[in-house]
Protein backbone atom coordinates (compact mmCIF):
# COMPACT_ATOMS: atom_id res chain seq x y z
CA MET A 1 25.98 -58.18 -1.49
CA SER A 2 24.95 -55.04 -3.68
CA TYR A 3 21.55 -53.74 -3.55
CA MET A 4 19.79 -50.30 -3.06
CA SER A 5 16.24 -49.81 -1.48
CA VAL A 6 14.64 -46.79 -0.20
CA SER A 7 12.32 -46.91 2.91
CA ARG A 8 10.86 -44.07 5.00
CA ALA A 9 9.84 -43.86 8.64
CA ARG A 10 8.49 -40.98 10.52
CA VAL A 11 9.98 -39.62 13.95
CA THR A 12 7.41 -39.41 16.59
CA SER A 13 7.22 -36.52 19.22
CA LYS A 14 9.34 -38.93 21.40
CA SER A 15 12.04 -39.17 18.83
CA GLN A 16 10.93 -42.75 18.14
CA LEU A 17 10.70 -44.40 14.91
CA VAL A 18 9.31 -47.74 13.68
CA LEU A 19 11.62 -49.46 11.29
CA PRO A 20 9.86 -50.48 8.06
CA LYS A 21 9.39 -54.23 7.59
CA ALA A 22 11.80 -54.40 4.64
CA VAL A 23 14.54 -52.84 6.81
CA ARG A 24 13.83 -55.12 9.84
CA GLU A 25 13.91 -58.08 7.53
CA GLN A 26 17.24 -56.93 5.77
CA LEU A 27 18.82 -56.28 9.25
CA ASP A 28 17.28 -59.44 10.70
CA VAL A 29 16.23 -57.50 13.83
CA GLY A 30 13.38 -57.87 16.36
CA PRO A 31 12.26 -56.62 19.66
CA GLY A 32 15.26 -56.37 22.04
CA ASP A 33 17.91 -56.10 19.32
CA VAL A 34 20.49 -53.29 19.45
CA LEU A 35 21.41 -51.34 16.35
CA VAL A 36 24.79 -49.32 15.76
CA PHE A 37 24.51 -46.02 13.82
CA HIS A 38 27.80 -45.17 12.09
CA ALA A 39 27.80 -41.50 10.86
CA ASP A 40 30.39 -39.82 8.72
CA GLU A 41 30.63 -37.19 5.87
CA HIS A 42 28.83 -39.56 3.50
CA GLY A 43 25.72 -40.34 5.76
CA ILE A 44 24.63 -42.72 8.29
CA ARG A 45 24.79 -46.53 8.10
CA ILE A 46 22.66 -48.66 10.47
CA GLU A 47 23.58 -52.14 11.26
CA LYS A 48 22.55 -54.83 13.86
CA ALA A 49 25.05 -55.02 16.66
CA ALA A 50 26.71 -58.17 17.36
CA ALA A 51 26.01 -59.55 20.82
CA ALA A 52 29.36 -58.55 22.12
CA ASP A 53 28.73 -54.95 20.94
CA ASP A 54 25.85 -54.68 23.41
CA PRO A 55 27.25 -53.64 26.83
CA PHE A 56 23.91 -54.60 28.38
CA SER A 57 23.61 -57.94 27.15
CA THR A 58 25.28 -59.72 30.17
CA PHE A 59 22.68 -57.83 32.42
CA ASP A 60 19.68 -60.31 31.78
CA GLU A 61 18.53 -59.65 35.28
CA TRP A 62 17.08 -56.36 33.91
CA SER A 63 15.29 -57.86 31.00
CA SER A 64 11.95 -58.58 32.68
CA SER A 65 8.52 -57.18 31.37
CA ALA A 66 8.56 -54.87 34.11
CA ASP A 67 11.74 -53.57 33.21
CA GLU A 68 10.75 -53.03 29.56
CA GLU A 69 7.66 -51.20 30.88
CA THR A 70 9.67 -48.94 33.22
CA TYR A 71 12.29 -47.86 30.71
CA ARG A 72 10.20 -47.89 27.47
CA ASP A 73 10.16 -44.11 27.29
CA LEU A 74 13.82 -43.36 28.02
């Protein structure tokens, strides 16, 4: 697949950003998904992590709404 698109996102004071809709759709990501950042001398590549790449995926006991609220700002 070969395509080029450009999107922008602003980093907040908490170092957070909202992925533009086009990027979310292209990566097929949603709430709770994990992204992997690959950095080299050419730039940074972002991709959706496979479930096996997420070391916390087996800890579903920590995935309640209370946990999301508690750890949101980390």
